[in-house]
């Protein structure tokens, strides 16, 4: 941002970081371990054979720590599918408490579960190296999975 001549007021400038995962099971399901990505969604229940009506729990980690809602900041994850929400531009939402959130899947199909986290560069000392370069850092993590009839 600082290098742009005659820029005027900058309303939005961000660094976008996206992380996506798909989990595969060979043999018996085991809960995946965190990989150390900046933001992670980790299935806490067996997602290898989800059926309509099943509940899946997801752990949420940010900067290698459990990430959760507080009184002043509600954190949510979203789920959308080619059979529910996606074609009509809506989704399922679940609040994150105690570092976990869950969904009961209403339809079969391909699903994407995701989270978006935003940090303001000016308010976070750990982002000092980005001051003058962008106003925010936007993080996104997603998991793709299949729900069977």
Foldseek 3Di string as FASTA:
>chain_A
DLPDPPPPDDDFFEAEAEAEEEDDDDPDDDWDDDPQDQKDWTWPDDQHAAAQQDKTKIFIDGRNHQDFADPVGWFKKWKDFPVGCPVVPGTDIWTGHPRMTMDRHHDWGKMKIKGKDKDALVVDPVNVVCVVPGGMYIYMYMYIGTYHD
